[in-house]
Amino acid sequence: ILDLFIQNIIKYCFGTEDEGLHQGAIEETMLGICVVKHRDATDRPEDIGIVLKGQLVLHDLDNVALAVAMLFGLMYALNLTYPSELKYSFEVLQKVVMELDGNTLTIIVFLHLFFYFVEKL
């Protein structure tokens, strides 16, 4: 279930050494995590960074989990609101995965989680 929600927040940038390919993907991202890998690479990504308003604000992070925690920290410190198209994805991460204020799910998120688990039974 985490993959379903996190795919909206993480953007994978594939390509060659050409920095321009990655910059274009970064500029069109309003808020999220950018993972840079070569097309033929199967191991660790070359770079993991945080994008805010089309700008790479942090990079060279060790892993995606750290990037998610840093993204939440930046959003809190800068008093940013969740983008409307990612509101429910961030709510699931915040309340279900990170267990912050998890007793107050919105009805939309609760129903999506409920039906997801019912289908798995």
N, C-alpha and C. Protein backbone atom coordinates (compact mmCIF):
# COMPACT_ATOMS: atom_id res chain seq x y z
N ILE A 1 0.82 -1.20 0.00
CA ILE A 1 0.00 0.00 0.00
C ILE A 1 0.86 1.26 0.00
N LEU A 2 2.01 1.19 0.64
CA LEU A 2 2.90 2.35 0.67
C LEU A 2 3.33 2.73 -0.74
N ASP A 3 3.60 1.74 -1.59
CA ASP A 3 4.01 2.04 -2.96
C ASP A 3 2.94 2.82 -3.71
N LEU A 4 1.68 2.49 -3.47
CA LEU A 4 0.58 3.17 -4.14
C LEU A 4 0.58 4.65 -3.84
N PHE A 5 0.84 5.00 -2.61
CA PHE A 5 0.80 6.41 -2.22
C PHE A 5 2.11 7.13 -2.52
N ILE A 6 3.23 6.45 -2.31
CA ILE A 6 4.52 7.11 -2.46
C ILE A 6 4.89 7.34 -3.92
N GLN A 7 4.29 6.59 -4.84
CA GLN A 7 4.60 6.81 -6.25
C GLN A 7 4.18 8.19 -6.72
N ASN A 8 3.27 8.83 -6.00
CA ASN A 8 2.86 10.19 -6.34
C ASN A 8 3.86 11.23 -5.85
N ILE A 9 4.72 10.88 -4.93
CA ILE A 9 5.65 11.83 -4.32
C ILE A 9 7.06 11.67 -4.87
N ILE A 10 7.45 10.45 -5.24
CA ILE A 10 8.80 10.19 -5.72
C ILE A 10 8.83 10.22 -7.24
N LYS A 11 9.74 10.98 -7.79
CA LYS A 11 9.93 11.04 -9.24
C LYS A 11 11.28 10.42 -9.56
N TYR A 12 11.27 9.40 -10.41
CA TYR A 12 12.52 8.76 -10.83
C TYR A 12 12.99 9.42 -12.13
N CYS A 13 14.23 9.85 -12.14
CA CYS A 13 14.82 10.48 -13.31
C CYS A 13 15.83 9.51 -13.89
N PHE A 14 15.54 8.99 -15.08
CA PHE A 14 16.45 8.06 -15.74
C PHE A 14 17.10 8.77 -16.91
N GLY A 15 18.30 8.36 -17.23
CA GLY A 15 18.95 8.93 -18.39
C GLY A 15 20.44 8.66 -18.37
N THR A 16 21.13 9.44 -19.15
CA THR A 16 22.58 9.31 -19.25
C THR A 16 23.22 10.35 -18.35
N GLU A 17 24.45 10.66 -18.62
CA GLU A 17 25.17 11.65 -17.83
C GLU A 17 24.62 13.06 -18.04
N ASP A 18 23.73 13.24 -19.01
CA ASP A 18 23.22 14.56 -19.37
C ASP A 18 22.42 15.17 -18.22
N GLU A 19 22.96 16.22 -17.64
CA GLU A 19 22.33 16.90 -16.51
C GLU A 19 21.02 17.57 -16.92
N GLY A 20 20.90 17.96 -18.19
CA GLY A 20 19.70 18.65 -18.68
C GLY A 20 18.45 17.80 -18.58
N LEU A 21 18.58 16.49 -18.76
CA LEU A 21 17.42 15.60 -18.64
C LEU A 21 16.86 15.65 -17.22
N HIS A 22 17.74 15.63 -16.27
CA HIS A 22 17.31 15.63 -14.86
C HIS A 22 16.74 17.00 -14.48
N GLN A 23 17.36 18.06 -14.98
CA GLN A 23 16.90 19.41 -14.63
C GLN A 23 15.48 19.65 -15.11
N GLY A 24 15.13 19.13 -16.29
CA GLY A 24 13.77 19.28 -16.80
C GLY A 24 12.75 18.59 -15.92
N ALA A 25 13.08 17.40 -15.46
CA ALA A 25 12.17 16.66 -14.56
C ALA A 25 12.04 17.37 -13.23
N ILE A 26 13.13 17.96 -12.76
CA ILE A 26 13.09 18.68 -11.48
C ILE A 26 12.23 19.93 -11.60
N GLU A 27 12.40 20.67 -12.68
CA GLU A 27 11.67 21.94 -12.84
C GLU A 27 10.16 21.73 -12.93
N GLU A 28 9.71 20.59 -13.43
CA GLU A 28 8.27 20.37 -13.53
C GLU A 28 7.68 19.75 -12.27
N THR A 29 8.50 19.50 -11.26
CA THR A 29 8.03 18.93 -10.00
C THR A 29 7.78 20.05 -9.00
N MET A 30 6.56 20.14 -8.50
CA MET A 30 6.23 21.18 -7.54
C MET A 30 6.77 20.84 -6.15
N LEU A 31 6.63 19.59 -5.77
CA LEU A 31 7.08 19.17 -4.46
C LEU A 31 7.27 17.66 -4.49
N GLY A 32 8.40 17.20 -4.03
CA GLY A 32 8.61 15.76 -4.02
C GLY A 32 10.06 15.36 -3.85
N ILE A 33 10.31 14.12 -4.16
CA ILE A 33 11.64 13.53 -4.03
C ILE A 33 12.08 13.07 -5.41
N CYS A 34 13.29 13.43 -5.78
CA CYS A 34 13.82 13.06 -7.09
C CYS A 34 14.93 12.04 -6.89
N VAL A 35 14.78 10.89 -7.54
CA VAL A 35 15.78 9.83 -7.49
C VAL A 35 16.40 9.72 -8.87
N VAL A 36 17.71 9.98 -8.97
CA VAL A 36 18.41 9.98 -10.25
C VAL A 36 19.16 8.67 -10.41
N LYS A 37 18.88 7.98 -11.53
CA LYS A 37 19.54 6.72 -11.85
C LYS A 37 19.88 6.70 -13.33
N HIS A 38 20.91 5.95 -13.69
CA HIS A 38 21.19 5.69 -15.10
C HIS A 38 20.19 4.65 -15.60
N ARG A 39 19.88 4.69 -16.86
CA ARG A 39 18.93 3.73 -17.43
C ARG A 39 19.38 2.29 -17.22
N ASP A 40 20.67 2.04 -17.33
CA ASP A 40 21.15 0.67 -17.22
C ASP A 40 21.55 0.29 -15.79
N ALA A 41 21.41 1.21 -14.87
CA ALA A 41 21.82 0.92 -13.49
C ALA A 41 20.75 0.11 -12.76
N THR A 42 21.19 -0.85 -12.00
CA THR A 42 20.26 -1.64 -11.20
C THR A 42 20.53 -1.49 -9.71
N ASP A 43 21.66 -0.87 -9.36
CA ASP A 43 21.97 -0.72 -7.94
C ASP A 43 21.56 0.67 -7.43
N ARG A 44 22.32 1.15 -6.50
CA ARG A 44 22.00 2.42 -5.83
C ARG A 44 21.82 3.58 -6.82
N PRO A 45 20.92 4.48 -6.51
CA PRO A 45 20.77 5.67 -7.34
C PRO A 45 22.01 6.56 -7.22
N GLU A 46 22.23 7.37 -8.24
CA GLU A 46 23.33 8.32 -8.21
C GLU A 46 23.07 9.44 -7.21
N ASP A 47 21.82 9.85 -7.12
CA ASP A 47 21.48 10.97 -6.24
C ASP A 47 20.04 10.84 -5.80
N ILE A 48 19.77 11.29 -4.61
CA ILE A 48 18.41 11.38 -4.08
C ILE A 48 18.29 12.78 -3.50
N GLY A 49 17.28 13.51 -3.93
CA GLY A 49 17.14 14.88 -3.47
C GLY A 49 15.70 15.28 -3.25
N ILE A 50 15.52 16.46 -2.67
CA ILE A 50 14.20 17.00 -2.39
C ILE A 50 13.97 18.21 -3.28
N VAL A 51 12.79 18.24 -3.89
CA VAL A 51 12.43 19.33 -4.80
C VAL A 51 11.27 20.11 -4.19
N LEU A 52 11.44 21.43 -4.12
CA LEU A 52 10.37 22.33 -3.70
C LEU A 52 10.22 23.40 -4.77
N LYS A 53 9.03 23.53 -5.31
CA LYS A 53 8.71 24.54 -6.32
C LYS A 53 9.70 24.55 -7.48
N GLY A 54 10.03 23.36 -7.98
CA GLY A 54 10.89 23.24 -9.14
C GLY A 54 12.37 23.44 -8.89
N GLN A 55 12.76 23.53 -7.63
CA GLN A 55 14.17 23.73 -7.27
C GLN A 55 14.65 22.58 -6.40
N LEU A 56 15.82 22.07 -6.71
CA LEU A 56 16.42 21.03 -5.89
C LEU A 56 17.02 21.71 -4.66
N VAL A 57 16.42 21.49 -3.49
CA VAL A 57 16.85 22.19 -2.28
C VAL A 57 17.78 21.35 -1.41
N LEU A 58 17.71 20.04 -1.52
CA LEU A 58 18.63 19.13 -0.83
C LEU A 58 18.98 18.01 -1.79
N HIS A 59 20.23 17.56 -1.75
CA HIS A 59 20.62 16.43 -2.60
C HIS A 59 21.70 15.63 -1.91
N ASP A 60 22.11 14.56 -2.55
CA ASP A 60 23.10 13.63 -1.98
C ASP A 60 22.61 13.00 -0.68
N LEU A 61 21.31 12.75 -0.58
CA LEU A 61 20.77 12.07 0.59
C LEU A 61 21.03 10.57 0.46
N ASP A 62 21.18 9.88 1.57
CA ASP A 62 21.57 8.47 1.55
C ASP A 62 20.51 7.52 1.01
N ASN A 63 19.23 7.80 1.33
CA ASN A 63 18.18 6.88 0.90
C ASN A 63 16.84 7.61 0.85
N VAL A 64 15.85 6.94 0.30
CA VAL A 64 14.53 7.55 0.14
C VAL A 64 13.84 7.77 1.48
N ALA A 65 14.03 6.87 2.42
CA ALA A 65 13.41 7.05 3.74
C ALA A 65 13.90 8.34 4.39
N LEU A 66 15.19 8.61 4.31
CA LEU A 66 15.73 9.85 4.85
C LEU A 66 15.15 11.05 4.09
N ALA A 67 15.02 10.92 2.79
CA ALA A 67 14.46 12.01 1.98
C ALA A 67 13.02 12.31 2.39
N VAL A 68 12.22 11.27 2.66
CA VAL A 68 10.84 11.48 3.09
C VAL A 68 10.81 12.22 4.42
N ALA A 69 11.64 11.79 5.36
CA ALA A 69 11.69 12.45 6.67
C ALA A 69 12.15 13.90 6.54
N MET A 70 13.15 14.14 5.69
CA MET A 70 13.64 15.50 5.49
C MET A 70 12.58 16.37 4.79
N LEU A 71 11.84 15.78 3.87
CA LEU A 71 10.78 16.53 3.19
C LEU A 71 9.71 16.97 4.19
N PHE A 72 9.32 16.07 5.08
CA PHE A 72 8.35 16.44 6.10
C PHE A 72 8.91 17.53 7.02
N GLY A 73 10.19 17.40 7.37
CA GLY A 73 10.82 18.42 8.22
C GLY A 73 10.85 19.78 7.54
N LEU A 74 11.20 19.80 6.26
CA LEU A 74 11.22 21.07 5.52
C LEU A 74 9.82 21.67 5.42
N MET A 75 8.84 20.83 5.14
CA MET A 75 7.47 21.34 5.02
C MET A 75 6.99 21.93 6.34
N TYR A 76 7.38 21.30 7.44
CA TYR A 76 6.98 21.81 8.75
C TYR A 76 7.73 23.10 9.07
N ALA A 77 9.05 23.10 8.85
CA ALA A 77 9.88 24.27 9.18
C ALA A 77 9.51 25.49 8.33
N LEU A 78 9.18 25.25 7.06
CA LEU A 78 8.83 26.35 6.16
C LEU A 78 7.34 26.66 6.14
N ASN A 79 6.58 25.92 6.94
CA ASN A 79 5.13 26.10 7.07
C ASN A 79 4.43 25.98 5.70
N LEU A 80 4.80 24.96 4.95
CA LEU A 80 4.21 24.71 3.64
C LEU A 80 2.97 23.84 3.77
N THR A 81 1.99 24.06 2.92
CA THR A 81 0.82 23.20 2.90
C THR A 81 1.03 22.13 1.84
N TYR A 82 0.33 21.02 2.00
CA TYR A 82 0.42 19.95 1.01
C TYR A 82 -0.22 20.43 -0.29
N PRO A 83 0.41 20.16 -1.44
CA PRO A 83 -0.26 20.49 -2.71
C PRO A 83 -1.56 19.71 -2.81
N SER A 84 -2.58 20.33 -3.39
CA SER A 84 -3.91 19.70 -3.42
C SER A 84 -3.89 18.34 -4.11
N GLU A 85 -3.09 18.17 -5.16
CA GLU A 85 -3.07 16.89 -5.86
C GLU A 85 -2.34 15.81 -5.08
N LEU A 86 -1.57 16.18 -4.06
CA LEU A 86 -0.84 15.21 -3.24
C LEU A 86 -1.33 15.17 -1.79
N LYS A 87 -2.40 15.88 -1.52
CA LYS A 87 -2.89 16.01 -0.15
C LYS A 87 -3.11 14.66 0.54
N TYR A 88 -3.79 13.75 -0.15
CA TYR A 88 -4.11 12.47 0.48
C TYR A 88 -2.89 11.55 0.56
N SER A 89 -1.99 11.66 -0.40
CA SER A 89 -0.75 10.88 -0.34
C SER A 89 0.06 11.28 0.89
N PHE A 90 0.18 12.59 1.11
CA PHE A 90 0.91 13.06 2.28
C PHE A 90 0.18 12.73 3.58
N GLU A 91 -1.14 12.73 3.53
CA GLU A 91 -1.90 12.38 4.74
C GLU A 91 -1.63 10.93 5.14
N VAL A 92 -1.60 10.03 4.17
CA VAL A 92 -1.31 8.63 4.47
C VAL A 92 0.11 8.49 5.04
N LEU A 93 1.07 9.14 4.41
CA LEU A 93 2.44 9.07 4.93
C LEU A 93 2.53 9.62 6.35
N GLN A 94 1.91 10.76 6.57
CA GLN A 94 1.98 11.39 7.88
C GLN A 94 1.26 10.59 8.96
N LYS A 95 0.05 10.20 8.68
CA LYS A 95 -0.79 9.63 9.72
C LYS A 95 -0.69 8.11 9.85
N VAL A 96 -0.47 7.41 8.75
CA VAL A 96 -0.43 5.95 8.81
C VAL A 96 1.01 5.45 8.92
N VAL A 97 1.87 5.91 8.03
CA VAL A 97 3.24 5.41 8.02
C VAL A 97 4.06 5.98 9.17
N MET A 98 4.03 7.31 9.32
CA MET A 98 4.84 7.95 10.35
C MET A 98 4.14 8.01 11.71
N GLU A 99 2.88 7.62 11.75
CA GLU A 99 2.08 7.56 12.97
C GLU A 99 2.03 8.90 13.71
N LEU A 100 1.86 9.99 12.95
CA LEU A 100 1.70 11.32 13.53
C LEU A 100 0.24 11.71 13.40
N ASP A 101 -0.46 11.81 14.52
CA ASP A 101 -1.87 12.18 14.54
C ASP A 101 -2.71 11.20 13.73
N GLY A 102 -2.42 9.91 13.88
CA GLY A 102 -3.07 8.88 13.09
C GLY A 102 -4.51 8.59 13.44
N ASN A 103 -5.03 9.17 14.51
CA ASN A 103 -6.41 8.90 14.91
C ASN A 103 -7.41 9.75 14.16
N THR A 104 -6.96 10.65 13.30
CA THR A 104 -7.87 11.57 12.64
C THR A 104 -7.74 11.52 11.12
N LEU A 105 -7.96 10.37 10.53
CA LEU A 105 -7.94 10.26 9.06
C LEU A 105 -9.16 10.92 8.45
N THR A 106 -8.98 11.54 7.30
CA THR A 106 -10.15 12.05 6.59
C THR A 106 -10.93 10.84 6.07
N ILE A 107 -12.18 11.05 5.81
CA ILE A 107 -13.05 9.95 5.39
C ILE A 107 -12.58 9.37 4.05
N ILE A 108 -12.07 10.20 3.16
CA ILE A 108 -11.61 9.72 1.85
C ILE A 108 -10.46 8.75 2.02
N VAL A 109 -9.48 9.11 2.83
CA VAL A 109 -8.32 8.24 3.05
C VAL A 109 -8.74 6.98 3.79
N PHE A 110 -9.59 7.12 4.78
CA PHE A 110 -10.07 5.95 5.53
C PHE A 110 -10.75 4.96 4.60
N LEU A 111 -11.63 5.43 3.72
CA LEU A 111 -12.34 4.54 2.82
C LEU A 111 -11.40 3.87 1.81
N HIS A 112 -10.44 4.63 1.29
CA HIS A 112 -9.47 4.03 0.37
C HIS A 112 -8.67 2.92 1.06
N LEU A 113 -8.22 3.18 2.27
CA LEU A 113 -7.47 2.17 3.01
C LEU A 113 -8.36 0.97 3.33
N PHE A 114 -9.59 1.23 3.75
CA PHE A 114 -10.52 0.16 4.09
C PHE A 114 -10.75 -0.76 2.89
N PHE A 115 -11.09 -0.17 1.74
CA PHE A 115 -11.37 -1.01 0.56
C PHE A 115 -10.11 -1.69 0.02
N TYR A 116 -8.96 -1.05 0.20
CA TYR A 116 -7.72 -1.69 -0.23
C TYR A 116 -7.51 -2.97 0.56
N PHE A 117 -7.68 -2.91 1.87
CA PHE A 117 -7.46 -4.09 2.70
C PHE A 117 -8.56 -5.13 2.53
N VAL A 118 -9.79 -4.71 2.27
CA VAL A 118 -10.89 -5.66 2.03
C VAL A 118 -10.61 -6.46 0.77
N GLU A 119 -10.08 -5.81 -0.28
CA GLU A 119 -9.75 -6.51 -1.52
C GLU A 119 -8.66 -7.56 -1.30
N LYS A 120 -7.78 -7.32 -0.35
CA LYS A 120 -6.66 -8.24 -0.10
C LYS A 120 -7.09 -9.47 0.69
N LEU A 121 -8.28 -9.43 1.30
CA LEU A 121 -8.74 -10.58 2.10
C LEU A 121 -9.19 -11.73 1.24
